[in-house]
């Protein structure tokens, strides 16, 4: 007997429908982060959703479980990983993520923020995440956006401030502190991009810190 889903749980399952057709792992991360982010810490929801997906093997179930296994924090991520192992692998590989250079610019004295650019790659396809950390409001990440135009983003930041290389561990340690503050006080005003890319950023923080 299959697990019955509430309308919210069914909506989460339905949101994974496009995933098997995708070939770009970064696009998978972005799509899943955007629709899963608001419910990421709801263990009750994910216990039911993961069980349902495990009971209904399909390309969609396999793709969604694999993505959730990489992006969900805590026990739900572990549940999804275990269920995904019993199904076929999708055509994209989220495990192929590699880290590149990270750069920091300090505008805390004149503008009140730090800028941080962290670069990554899936194979020959680089991308970067750019973060604006508000030093006036307790080092809270106010803006976070993702770009595939890494050199262009780096050049624009260099036009505005002096940048220095920083190790990926140090960069993501700063981000970890900043995101911890954001998640303790989610009502604080941050851009929609911070919410939509939160799981993408959190995954990179966890990988770098480990």
N, C-alpha and C. Protein backbone atom coordinates (compact mmCIF):
# COMPACT_ATOMS: atom_id res chain seq x y z
N UNK A 1 0.84 -1.19 0.00
CA UNK A 1 0.00 0.00 0.00
C UNK A 1 0.88 1.24 0.00
N UNK A 2 0.63 2.13 -0.96
CA UNK A 2 1.46 3.32 -1.08
C UNK A 2 1.12 4.35 0.00
N UNK A 3 2.15 5.10 0.36
CA UNK A 3 1.96 6.18 1.32
C UNK A 3 1.10 7.28 0.71
N UNK A 4 0.07 7.69 1.42
CA UNK A 4 -0.80 8.76 0.93
C UNK A 4 -0.17 10.11 1.26
N UNK A 5 -0.29 11.03 0.32
CA UNK A 5 0.34 12.34 0.45
C UNK A 5 -0.70 13.43 0.66
N UNK A 6 -0.33 14.41 1.47
CA UNK A 6 -1.14 15.61 1.58
C UNK A 6 -0.92 16.47 0.32
N UNK A 7 -1.77 17.47 0.09
CA UNK A 7 -1.55 18.34 -1.08
C UNK A 7 -0.16 18.98 -1.10
N UNK A 8 0.36 19.37 0.07
CA UNK A 8 1.70 19.97 0.10
C UNK A 8 2.76 18.95 -0.28
N UNK A 9 2.65 17.76 0.27
CA UNK A 9 3.62 16.71 -0.05
C UNK A 9 3.56 16.34 -1.52
N UNK A 10 2.36 16.28 -2.08
CA UNK A 10 2.22 15.97 -3.49
C UNK A 10 2.82 17.07 -4.35
N UNK A 11 2.66 18.33 -3.92
CA UNK A 11 3.23 19.45 -4.68
C UNK A 11 4.74 19.37 -4.73
N UNK A 12 5.36 18.94 -3.62
CA UNK A 12 6.81 18.79 -3.58
C UNK A 12 7.24 17.69 -4.55
N UNK A 13 6.52 16.57 -4.53
CA UNK A 13 6.84 15.47 -5.45
C UNK A 13 6.67 15.92 -6.90
N UNK A 14 5.59 16.64 -7.19
CA UNK A 14 5.33 17.10 -8.56
C UNK A 14 6.38 18.08 -9.04
N UNK A 15 6.95 18.86 -8.11
CA UNK A 15 7.97 19.84 -8.50
C UNK A 15 9.23 19.18 -9.03
N UNK A 16 9.39 17.88 -8.74
CA UNK A 16 10.56 17.17 -9.25
C UNK A 16 10.38 16.62 -10.64
N UNK A 17 9.23 16.87 -11.25
CA UNK A 17 8.93 16.29 -12.56
C UNK A 17 9.96 16.63 -13.63
N UNK A 18 10.48 17.89 -13.71
CA UNK A 18 11.43 18.21 -14.79
C UNK A 18 12.83 17.61 -14.61
N UNK A 19 13.16 17.14 -13.42
CA UNK A 19 14.56 16.78 -13.12
C UNK A 19 15.15 15.71 -14.02
N UNK A 20 14.42 14.66 -14.39
CA UNK A 20 15.05 13.63 -15.24
C UNK A 20 15.46 14.13 -16.62
N UNK A 21 14.81 15.21 -17.09
CA UNK A 21 15.13 15.72 -18.42
C UNK A 21 16.33 16.65 -18.42
N UNK A 22 16.75 17.10 -17.25
CA UNK A 22 17.86 18.05 -17.17
C UNK A 22 19.19 17.34 -17.36
N UNK A 23 20.15 18.06 -17.91
CA UNK A 23 21.50 17.52 -18.08
C UNK A 23 22.54 18.32 -17.30
N UNK A 24 22.16 19.49 -16.81
CA UNK A 24 23.09 20.38 -16.12
C UNK A 24 22.90 20.24 -14.61
N UNK A 25 23.89 19.73 -13.88
CA UNK A 25 23.74 19.55 -12.43
C UNK A 25 23.49 20.85 -11.68
N UNK A 26 24.05 21.95 -12.18
CA UNK A 26 23.82 23.23 -11.52
C UNK A 26 22.36 23.64 -11.63
N UNK A 27 21.75 23.41 -12.77
CA UNK A 27 20.33 23.71 -12.94
C UNK A 27 19.49 22.86 -12.00
N UNK A 28 19.89 21.61 -11.80
CA UNK A 28 19.19 20.75 -10.85
C UNK A 28 19.26 21.36 -9.44
N UNK A 29 20.45 21.76 -9.04
CA UNK A 29 20.61 22.36 -7.71
C UNK A 29 19.73 23.59 -7.54
N UNK A 30 19.73 24.45 -8.54
CA UNK A 30 18.97 25.69 -8.44
C UNK A 30 17.47 25.43 -8.36
N UNK A 31 16.98 24.53 -9.19
CA UNK A 31 15.55 24.24 -9.19
C UNK A 31 15.12 23.63 -7.86
N UNK A 32 15.90 22.68 -7.37
CA UNK A 32 15.52 22.01 -6.13
C UNK A 32 15.64 22.97 -4.95
N UNK A 33 16.70 23.77 -4.91
CA UNK A 33 16.87 24.73 -3.83
C UNK A 33 15.71 25.72 -3.77
N UNK A 34 15.24 26.16 -4.94
CA UNK A 34 14.17 27.15 -4.99
C UNK A 34 12.86 26.60 -4.44
N UNK A 35 12.51 25.35 -4.82
CA UNK A 35 11.20 24.86 -4.36
C UNK A 35 11.25 24.10 -3.05
N UNK A 36 12.43 23.61 -2.66
CA UNK A 36 12.55 22.85 -1.42
C UNK A 36 12.91 23.75 -0.24
N UNK A 37 13.61 24.84 -0.51
CA UNK A 37 14.15 25.70 0.54
C UNK A 37 13.20 26.02 1.68
N UNK A 38 11.96 26.44 1.39
CA UNK A 38 11.05 26.82 2.49
C UNK A 38 10.68 25.67 3.42
N UNK A 39 10.84 24.43 2.96
CA UNK A 39 10.45 23.27 3.76
C UNK A 39 11.64 22.42 4.17
N UNK A 40 12.85 22.91 3.96
CA UNK A 40 14.04 22.06 4.11
C UNK A 40 14.17 21.47 5.50
N UNK A 41 13.72 22.15 6.53
CA UNK A 41 13.91 21.68 7.90
C UNK A 41 12.70 20.94 8.45
N UNK A 42 11.73 20.66 7.60
CA UNK A 42 10.49 20.00 8.03
C UNK A 42 10.67 18.48 7.94
N UNK A 43 11.18 17.87 9.00
CA UNK A 43 11.48 16.43 8.98
C UNK A 43 10.22 15.59 8.75
N UNK A 44 9.10 16.01 9.30
CA UNK A 44 7.86 15.24 9.14
C UNK A 44 7.47 15.15 7.67
N UNK A 45 7.60 16.27 6.96
CA UNK A 45 7.28 16.28 5.53
C UNK A 45 8.19 15.35 4.76
N UNK A 46 9.51 15.42 5.02
CA UNK A 46 10.46 14.66 4.23
C UNK A 46 10.43 13.17 4.56
N UNK A 47 10.06 12.82 5.78
CA UNK A 47 9.93 11.41 6.10
C UNK A 47 8.86 10.76 5.21
N UNK A 48 7.75 11.46 5.01
CA UNK A 48 6.67 10.93 4.18
C UNK A 48 7.04 10.97 2.70
N UNK A 49 7.60 12.09 2.25
CA UNK A 49 7.94 12.24 0.83
C UNK A 49 8.99 11.21 0.41
N UNK A 50 10.02 11.03 1.21
CA UNK A 50 11.08 10.07 0.86
C UNK A 50 10.53 8.65 0.85
N UNK A 51 9.69 8.33 1.81
CA UNK A 51 9.10 6.99 1.83
C UNK A 51 8.25 6.77 0.58
N UNK A 52 7.45 7.76 0.20
CA UNK A 52 6.62 7.65 -1.01
C UNK A 52 7.48 7.46 -2.26
N UNK A 53 8.53 8.24 -2.40
CA UNK A 53 9.39 8.13 -3.58
C UNK A 53 10.08 6.77 -3.63
N UNK A 54 10.40 6.22 -2.47
CA UNK A 54 11.00 4.90 -2.44
C UNK A 54 10.03 3.80 -2.83
N UNK A 55 8.75 4.05 -2.57
CA UNK A 55 7.73 3.06 -2.92
C UNK A 55 7.32 3.11 -4.39
N UNK A 56 7.67 4.19 -5.06
CA UNK A 56 7.25 4.38 -6.45
C UNK A 56 8.50 4.60 -7.31
N UNK A 57 9.26 3.56 -7.60
CA UNK A 57 10.49 3.73 -8.40
C UNK A 57 10.17 4.28 -9.79
N UNK A 58 10.91 5.29 -10.18
CA UNK A 58 10.75 5.90 -11.50
C UNK A 58 11.93 6.82 -11.73
N UNK A 59 12.07 7.32 -12.94
CA UNK A 59 13.15 8.27 -13.22
C UNK A 59 12.98 9.53 -12.38
N UNK A 60 11.72 9.97 -12.21
CA UNK A 60 11.49 11.16 -11.40
C UNK A 60 11.84 10.91 -9.95
N UNK A 61 11.41 9.77 -9.40
CA UNK A 61 11.71 9.45 -8.01
C UNK A 61 13.22 9.39 -7.79
N UNK A 62 13.93 8.72 -8.70
CA UNK A 62 15.38 8.59 -8.57
C UNK A 62 16.06 9.95 -8.62
N UNK A 63 15.63 10.79 -9.56
CA UNK A 63 16.25 12.11 -9.70
C UNK A 63 15.99 12.99 -8.48
N UNK A 64 14.74 12.99 -8.02
CA UNK A 64 14.41 13.84 -6.88
C UNK A 64 15.09 13.34 -5.61
N UNK A 65 15.11 12.05 -5.38
CA UNK A 65 15.80 11.51 -4.21
C UNK A 65 17.28 11.84 -4.23
N UNK A 66 17.91 11.70 -5.41
CA UNK A 66 19.34 12.00 -5.52
C UNK A 66 19.61 13.46 -5.19
N UNK A 67 18.80 14.37 -5.75
CA UNK A 67 18.99 15.80 -5.48
C UNK A 67 18.75 16.12 -4.02
N UNK A 68 17.70 15.55 -3.44
CA UNK A 68 17.41 15.80 -2.03
C UNK A 68 18.53 15.26 -1.14
N UNK A 69 19.10 14.14 -1.52
CA UNK A 69 20.20 13.58 -0.75
C UNK A 69 21.41 14.49 -0.68
N UNK A 70 21.62 15.26 -1.73
CA UNK A 70 22.74 16.20 -1.75
C UNK A 70 22.41 17.53 -1.07
N UNK A 71 21.15 17.94 -1.10
CA UNK A 71 20.81 19.30 -0.70
C UNK A 71 20.10 19.43 0.64
N UNK A 72 19.35 18.42 1.05
CA UNK A 72 18.64 18.54 2.33
C UNK A 72 19.60 18.41 3.50
N UNK A 73 19.44 19.22 4.52
CA UNK A 73 20.30 19.11 5.70
C UNK A 73 19.82 18.00 6.64
N UNK A 74 20.73 17.51 7.44
CA UNK A 74 20.38 16.62 8.53
C UNK A 74 19.83 15.27 8.11
N UNK A 75 18.93 14.74 8.95
CA UNK A 75 18.42 13.39 8.73
C UNK A 75 17.65 13.22 7.42
N UNK A 76 16.85 14.21 7.00
CA UNK A 76 16.15 14.04 5.71
C UNK A 76 17.10 13.79 4.54
N UNK A 77 18.25 14.45 4.54
CA UNK A 77 19.23 14.22 3.49
C UNK A 77 19.76 12.80 3.51
N UNK A 78 19.98 12.26 4.72
CA UNK A 78 20.45 10.88 4.85
C UNK A 78 19.38 9.91 4.37
N UNK A 79 18.11 10.16 4.74
CA UNK A 79 17.02 9.29 4.28
C UNK A 79 16.96 9.26 2.76
N UNK A 80 17.08 10.45 2.16
CA UNK A 80 17.00 10.53 0.69
C UNK A 80 18.18 9.80 0.04
N UNK A 81 19.38 9.95 0.59
CA UNK A 81 20.55 9.25 0.05
C UNK A 81 20.34 7.74 0.08
N UNK A 82 19.85 7.23 1.19
CA UNK A 82 19.66 5.78 1.32
C UNK A 82 18.61 5.28 0.33
N UNK A 83 17.52 6.04 0.16
CA UNK A 83 16.48 5.63 -0.78
C UNK A 83 16.96 5.73 -2.22
N UNK A 84 17.79 6.72 -2.50
CA UNK A 84 18.29 6.90 -3.88
C UNK A 84 19.18 5.74 -4.31
N UNK A 85 19.90 5.13 -3.38
CA UNK A 85 20.80 4.02 -3.73
C UNK A 85 20.03 2.82 -4.28
N UNK A 86 18.76 2.74 -3.98
CA UNK A 86 17.96 1.60 -4.45
C UNK A 86 17.28 1.88 -5.79
N UNK A 87 17.61 3.03 -6.39
CA UNK A 87 17.02 3.36 -7.69
C UNK A 87 18.14 3.71 -8.67
N UNK A 88 17.77 3.93 -9.91
CA UNK A 88 18.76 4.21 -10.96
C UNK A 88 19.35 5.60 -10.79
N UNK A 89 20.56 5.77 -11.28
CA UNK A 89 21.22 7.07 -11.18
C UNK A 89 20.76 7.99 -12.31
N UNK A 90 20.53 9.26 -12.01
CA UNK A 90 20.17 10.21 -13.08
C UNK A 90 21.36 10.50 -13.98
N UNK A 91 21.12 11.21 -15.07
CA UNK A 91 22.18 11.47 -16.05
C UNK A 91 23.16 12.54 -15.57
N UNK A 92 22.77 13.35 -14.61
CA UNK A 92 23.67 14.37 -14.07
C UNK A 92 24.31 13.87 -12.77
N UNK A 93 25.45 14.44 -12.41
CA UNK A 93 26.22 13.98 -11.26
C UNK A 93 26.52 15.16 -10.33
N UNK A 94 25.74 15.28 -9.26
CA UNK A 94 25.98 16.37 -8.31
C UNK A 94 27.25 16.15 -7.51
N UNK A 95 27.75 14.92 -7.50
CA UNK A 95 28.98 14.63 -6.78
C UNK A 95 30.23 15.12 -7.48
N UNK A 96 30.08 15.63 -8.71
CA UNK A 96 31.25 16.08 -9.49
C UNK A 96 31.64 17.53 -9.20
N UNK A 97 31.01 18.16 -8.22
CA UNK A 97 31.32 19.55 -7.90
C UNK A 97 32.75 19.69 -7.39
N UNK A 98 33.49 20.67 -7.92
CA UNK A 98 34.83 20.98 -7.43
C UNK A 98 34.91 22.46 -7.05
N UNK A 99 35.86 22.78 -6.17
CA UNK A 99 36.03 24.14 -5.68
C UNK A 99 37.15 24.83 -6.45
N UNK A 100 36.95 26.13 -6.70
CA UNK A 100 37.98 26.95 -7.33
C UNK A 100 38.44 28.04 -6.38
N UNK A 101 38.88 29.16 -6.94
CA UNK A 101 39.38 30.26 -6.13
C UNK A 101 38.25 31.02 -5.44
N UNK A 102 38.58 31.61 -4.30
CA UNK A 102 37.66 32.48 -3.58
C UNK A 102 38.33 33.83 -3.36
N UNK A 103 37.55 34.89 -3.48
CA UNK A 103 38.06 36.25 -3.35
C UNK A 103 37.19 37.03 -2.38
N UNK A 104 37.84 37.91 -1.59
CA UNK A 104 37.11 38.74 -0.64
C UNK A 104 37.48 40.20 -0.83
N UNK A 105 36.48 41.06 -0.71
CA UNK A 105 36.70 42.50 -0.76
C UNK A 105 36.06 43.15 0.44
N UNK A 106 36.77 44.02 1.11
CA UNK A 106 36.29 44.63 2.35
C UNK A 106 35.85 46.07 2.10
N UNK A 107 34.54 46.29 2.15
CA UNK A 107 33.99 47.64 2.06
C UNK A 107 33.27 48.00 3.36
N UNK A 108 33.71 47.38 4.46
CA UNK A 108 33.01 47.57 5.73
C UNK A 108 33.18 48.99 6.28
N UNK A 109 34.30 49.64 5.98
CA UNK A 109 34.53 50.98 6.53
C UNK A 109 33.68 52.03 5.82
N UNK A 110 33.65 51.99 4.49
CA UNK A 110 32.95 53.05 3.76
C UNK A 110 31.53 52.66 3.36
N UNK A 111 31.26 51.38 3.15
CA UNK A 111 29.94 50.97 2.66
C UNK A 111 29.25 49.96 3.58
N UNK A 112 29.97 49.42 4.53
CA UNK A 112 29.35 48.56 5.53
C UNK A 112 29.17 47.11 5.13
N UNK A 113 29.91 46.65 4.13
CA UNK A 113 29.72 45.24 3.75
C UNK A 113 31.03 44.61 3.28
N UNK A 114 31.05 43.28 3.33
CA UNK A 114 32.08 42.48 2.71
C UNK A 114 31.49 41.85 1.46
N UNK A 115 32.31 41.74 0.41
CA UNK A 115 31.91 41.02 -0.80
C UNK A 115 32.76 39.76 -0.90
N UNK A 116 32.10 38.66 -1.21
CA UNK A 116 32.80 37.40 -1.30
C UNK A 116 32.39 36.70 -2.58
N UNK A 117 33.38 36.31 -3.39
CA UNK A 117 33.12 35.53 -4.60
C UNK A 117 33.79 34.18 -4.46
N UNK A 118 33.00 33.11 -4.57
CA UNK A 118 33.53 31.76 -4.49
C UNK A 118 33.24 31.06 -5.81
N UNK A 119 34.27 30.49 -6.41
CA UNK A 119 34.10 29.83 -7.71
C UNK A 119 34.09 28.31 -7.55
N UNK A 120 33.35 27.68 -8.45
CA UNK A 120 33.18 26.23 -8.44
C UNK A 120 33.12 25.74 -9.88
N UNK A 121 33.03 24.44 -10.04
CA UNK A 121 32.93 23.91 -11.40
C UNK A 121 32.28 22.53 -11.39
N UNK A 122 31.51 22.27 -12.42
CA UNK A 122 31.08 20.92 -12.77
C UNK A 122 31.79 20.58 -14.07
N UNK A 123 32.85 19.81 -13.99
CA UNK A 123 33.62 19.51 -15.18
C UNK A 123 34.23 20.78 -15.75
N UNK A 124 33.95 21.03 -17.03
CA UNK A 124 34.49 22.22 -17.70
C UNK A 124 33.54 23.41 -17.63
N UNK A 125 32.52 23.32 -16.78
CA UNK A 125 31.51 24.39 -16.70
C UNK A 125 31.65 25.11 -15.36
N UNK A 126 32.38 26.23 -15.33
CA UNK A 126 32.57 26.96 -14.07
C UNK A 126 31.34 27.80 -13.72
N UNK A 127 31.21 28.10 -12.45
CA UNK A 127 30.21 29.06 -11.99
C UNK A 127 30.74 29.67 -10.69
N UNK A 128 30.07 30.70 -10.24
CA UNK A 128 30.48 31.34 -9.00
C UNK A 128 29.25 31.80 -8.24
N UNK A 129 29.40 31.89 -6.93
CA UNK A 129 28.40 32.52 -6.10
C UNK A 129 29.02 33.77 -5.51
N UNK A 130 28.25 34.85 -5.56
CA UNK A 130 28.70 36.14 -5.04
C UNK A 130 27.81 36.50 -3.86
N UNK A 131 28.43 36.86 -2.75
CA UNK A 131 27.70 37.15 -1.52
C UNK A 131 28.05 38.55 -1.05
N UNK A 132 27.02 39.28 -0.60
CA UNK A 132 27.21 40.57 0.04
C UNK A 132 26.85 40.42 1.52
N UNK A 133 27.84 40.55 2.39
CA UNK A 133 27.65 40.32 3.82
C UNK A 133 27.60 41.67 4.53
N UNK A 134 26.47 41.95 5.15
CA UNK A 134 26.21 43.24 5.80
C UNK A 134 26.90 43.27 7.16
N UNK A 135 27.99 44.02 7.26
CA UNK A 135 28.74 44.09 8.51
C UNK A 135 28.08 45.00 9.53
N UNK A 136 27.18 45.85 9.10
CA UNK A 136 26.49 46.75 10.03
C UNK A 136 25.42 45.99 10.80
N UNK A 137 24.79 45.02 10.13
CA UNK A 137 23.69 44.26 10.75
C UNK A 137 24.14 42.87 11.18
N UNK A 138 25.29 42.80 11.81
CA UNK A 138 25.73 41.54 12.40
C UNK A 138 26.21 40.50 11.43
N UNK A 139 26.85 40.92 10.34
CA UNK A 139 27.44 40.01 9.35
C UNK A 139 26.39 39.09 8.72
N UNK A 140 25.25 39.64 8.39
CA UNK A 140 24.17 38.89 7.76
C UNK A 140 24.33 38.95 6.24
N UNK A 141 24.16 37.80 5.58
CA UNK A 141 24.19 37.79 4.11
C UNK A 141 22.93 38.44 3.58
N UNK A 142 23.07 39.58 2.93
CA UNK A 142 21.91 40.32 2.41
C UNK A 142 21.60 39.94 0.97
N UNK A 143 22.63 39.65 0.20
CA UNK A 143 22.44 39.30 -1.21
C UNK A 143 23.32 38.10 -1.53
N UNK A 144 22.80 37.20 -2.35
CA UNK A 144 23.57 36.05 -2.81
C UNK A 144 23.06 35.68 -4.19
N UNK A 145 23.94 35.72 -5.16
CA UNK A 145 23.48 35.33 -6.50
C UNK A 145 24.51 34.44 -7.16
N UNK A 146 24.05 33.67 -8.11
CA UNK A 146 24.90 32.71 -8.81
C UNK A 146 25.08 33.17 -10.25
N UNK A 147 26.30 33.01 -10.76
CA UNK A 147 26.58 33.41 -12.13
C UNK A 147 27.49 32.39 -12.80
N UNK A 148 27.28 32.23 -14.09
CA UNK A 148 28.19 31.39 -14.88
C UNK A 148 29.30 32.24 -15.50
N UNK A 149 29.16 33.55 -15.43
CA UNK A 149 30.16 34.47 -15.99
C UNK A 149 31.15 34.85 -14.89
N UNK A 150 32.02 33.91 -14.56
CA UNK A 150 32.89 34.08 -13.40
C UNK A 150 33.86 35.24 -13.59
N UNK A 151 34.55 35.29 -14.71
CA UNK A 151 35.54 36.34 -14.94
C UNK A 151 34.89 37.71 -15.00
N UNK A 152 33.73 37.78 -15.60
CA UNK A 152 33.01 39.07 -15.66
C UNK A 152 32.62 39.54 -14.27
N UNK A 153 32.12 38.64 -13.44
CA UNK A 153 31.75 39.01 -12.08
C UNK A 153 32.97 39.44 -11.28
N UNK A 154 34.07 38.75 -11.47
CA UNK A 154 35.30 39.09 -10.76
C UNK A 154 35.80 40.47 -11.20
N UNK A 155 35.72 40.76 -12.50
CA UNK A 155 36.16 42.06 -13.01
C UNK A 155 35.29 43.19 -12.45
N UNK A 156 33.99 42.96 -12.36
CA UNK A 156 33.10 44.00 -11.82
C UNK A 156 33.41 44.29 -10.36
N UNK A 157 33.67 43.24 -9.59
CA UNK A 157 34.02 43.47 -8.20
C UNK A 157 35.35 44.21 -8.08
N UNK A 158 36.29 43.87 -8.94
CA UNK A 158 37.59 44.56 -8.90
C UNK A 158 37.46 46.04 -9.24
N UNK A 159 36.48 46.39 -10.03
CA UNK A 159 36.24 47.79 -10.35
C UNK A 159 35.74 48.57 -9.14
N UNK A 160 35.15 47.86 -8.17
CA UNK A 160 34.54 48.52 -7.02
C UNK A 160 35.40 48.48 -5.76
N UNK A 161 36.32 47.51 -5.69
CA UNK A 161 37.09 47.34 -4.46
C UNK A 161 38.34 46.52 -4.72
N UNK A 162 39.23 46.53 -3.76
CA UNK A 162 40.43 45.70 -3.84
C UNK A 162 40.09 44.31 -3.34
N UNK A 163 40.41 43.30 -4.13
CA UNK A 163 40.10 41.92 -3.78
C UNK A 163 41.36 41.18 -3.35
N UNK A 164 41.20 40.26 -2.44
CA UNK A 164 42.29 39.41 -2.00
C UNK A 164 41.85 37.95 -2.06
N UNK A 165 42.78 37.08 -2.42
CA UNK A 165 42.49 35.65 -2.41
C UNK A 165 42.30 35.17 -0.97
N UNK A 166 41.37 34.25 -0.81
CA UNK A 166 41.11 33.66 0.49
C UNK A 166 40.88 32.17 0.26
N UNK A 167 41.29 31.32 1.18
CA UNK A 167 41.13 29.89 0.96
C UNK A 167 39.65 29.52 0.98
N UNK A 168 39.26 28.47 0.27
CA UNK A 168 37.85 28.04 0.32
C UNK A 168 37.36 27.75 1.74
N UNK A 169 38.22 27.17 2.58
CA UNK A 169 37.80 26.87 3.95
C UNK A 169 37.50 28.15 4.71
N UNK A 170 38.39 29.15 4.60
CA UNK A 170 38.17 30.42 5.30
C UNK A 170 36.94 31.13 4.76
N UNK A 171 36.77 31.12 3.43
CA UNK A 171 35.62 31.79 2.82
C UNK A 171 34.32 31.17 3.29
N UNK A 172 34.26 29.86 3.30
CA UNK A 172 33.01 29.20 3.66
C UNK A 172 32.79 29.19 5.17
N UNK A 173 33.84 29.36 5.96
CA UNK A 173 33.67 29.57 7.39
C UNK A 173 32.96 30.89 7.64
N UNK A 174 33.37 31.94 6.93
CA UNK A 174 32.67 33.23 7.03
C UNK A 174 31.20 33.09 6.63
N UNK A 175 30.97 32.37 5.54
CA UNK A 175 29.61 32.18 5.08
C UNK A 175 28.79 31.37 6.09
N UNK A 176 29.41 30.38 6.70
CA UNK A 176 28.70 29.56 7.68
C UNK A 176 28.20 30.42 8.83
N UNK A 177 29.05 31.28 9.36
CA UNK A 177 28.64 32.18 10.44
C UNK A 177 27.51 33.09 9.99
N UNK A 178 27.62 33.61 8.78
CA UNK A 178 26.62 34.52 8.26
C UNK A 178 25.28 33.83 8.05
N UNK A 179 25.30 32.64 7.46
CA UNK A 179 24.05 31.91 7.21
C UNK A 179 23.42 31.41 8.51
N UNK A 180 24.25 31.09 9.50
CA UNK A 180 23.71 30.70 10.81
C UNK A 180 22.88 31.84 11.39
N UNK A 181 23.37 33.06 11.25
CA UNK A 181 22.62 34.22 11.77
C UNK A 181 21.33 34.41 10.98
N UNK A 182 21.41 34.26 9.68
CA UNK A 182 20.22 34.41 8.83
C UNK A 182 19.15 33.37 9.20
N UNK A 183 19.57 32.14 9.43
CA UNK A 183 18.60 31.08 9.70
C UNK A 183 18.02 31.16 11.11
N UNK A 184 18.74 31.80 12.02
CA UNK A 184 18.18 32.02 13.36
C UNK A 184 17.16 33.14 13.35
N UNK A 185 17.28 34.04 12.38
CA UNK A 185 16.37 35.20 12.30
C UNK A 185 15.87 35.35 10.86
N UNK A 186 15.06 34.39 10.39
CA UNK A 186 14.65 34.37 8.98
C UNK A 186 13.77 35.54 8.57
N UNK A 187 13.21 36.26 9.56
CA UNK A 187 12.35 37.39 9.22
C UNK A 187 13.11 38.64 8.82
N UNK A 188 14.41 38.66 9.01
CA UNK A 188 15.21 39.83 8.65
C UNK A 188 15.20 40.02 7.14
N UNK A 189 15.27 41.26 6.72
CA UNK A 189 15.18 41.56 5.30
C UNK A 189 16.41 41.14 4.53
N UNK A 190 16.25 40.15 3.67
CA UNK A 190 17.31 39.74 2.75
C UNK A 190 16.68 39.59 1.38
N UNK A 191 17.51 39.57 0.35
CA UNK A 191 16.97 39.47 -1.00
C UNK A 191 16.38 38.08 -1.25
N UNK A 192 15.47 38.00 -2.21
CA UNK A 192 14.86 36.72 -2.56
C UNK A 192 15.92 35.71 -3.01
N UNK A 193 17.00 36.21 -3.62
CA UNK A 193 18.05 35.30 -4.08
C UNK A 193 18.69 34.53 -2.93
N UNK A 194 18.76 35.14 -1.75
CA UNK A 194 19.33 34.44 -0.60
C UNK A 194 18.47 33.23 -0.25
N UNK A 195 17.15 33.41 -0.28
CA UNK A 195 16.25 32.31 0.02
C UNK A 195 16.31 31.23 -1.07
N UNK A 196 16.31 31.65 -2.32
CA UNK A 196 16.23 30.70 -3.42
C UNK A 196 17.50 29.87 -3.58
N UNK A 197 18.63 30.43 -3.21
CA UNK A 197 19.91 29.73 -3.36
C UNK A 197 20.45 29.20 -2.04
N UNK A 198 19.63 29.25 -0.99
CA UNK A 198 20.13 28.91 0.35
C UNK A 198 20.69 27.49 0.41
N UNK A 199 19.99 26.51 -0.15
CA UNK A 199 20.48 25.14 -0.07
C UNK A 199 21.70 24.92 -0.95
N UNK A 200 21.79 25.66 -2.06
CA UNK A 200 22.98 25.59 -2.91
C UNK A 200 24.19 26.09 -2.12
N UNK A 201 24.02 27.23 -1.44
CA UNK A 201 25.11 27.78 -0.64
C UNK A 201 25.44 26.88 0.54
N UNK A 202 24.40 26.41 1.22
CA UNK A 202 24.61 25.57 2.39
C UNK A 202 25.34 24.26 2.03
N UNK A 203 25.04 23.72 0.87
CA UNK A 203 25.74 22.50 0.45
C UNK A 203 27.23 22.78 0.29
N UNK A 204 27.59 23.89 -0.31
CA UNK A 204 28.99 24.24 -0.53
C UNK A 204 29.68 24.54 0.78
N UNK A 205 28.98 25.17 1.71
CA UNK A 205 29.55 25.42 3.03
C UNK A 205 29.89 24.10 3.71
N UNK A 206 28.94 23.15 3.69
CA UNK A 206 29.17 21.87 4.34
C UNK A 206 30.32 21.10 3.72
N UNK A 207 30.39 21.11 2.39
CA UNK A 207 31.48 20.39 1.71
C UNK A 207 32.84 21.02 2.03
N UNK A 208 32.91 22.34 2.04
CA UNK A 208 34.17 23.02 2.31
C UNK A 208 34.61 22.82 3.75
N UNK A 209 33.67 22.86 4.68
CA UNK A 209 34.01 22.74 6.09
C UNK A 209 34.40 21.31 6.45
N UNK A 210 33.91 20.35 5.68
CA UNK A 210 34.28 18.96 5.95
C UNK A 210 35.59 18.57 5.29
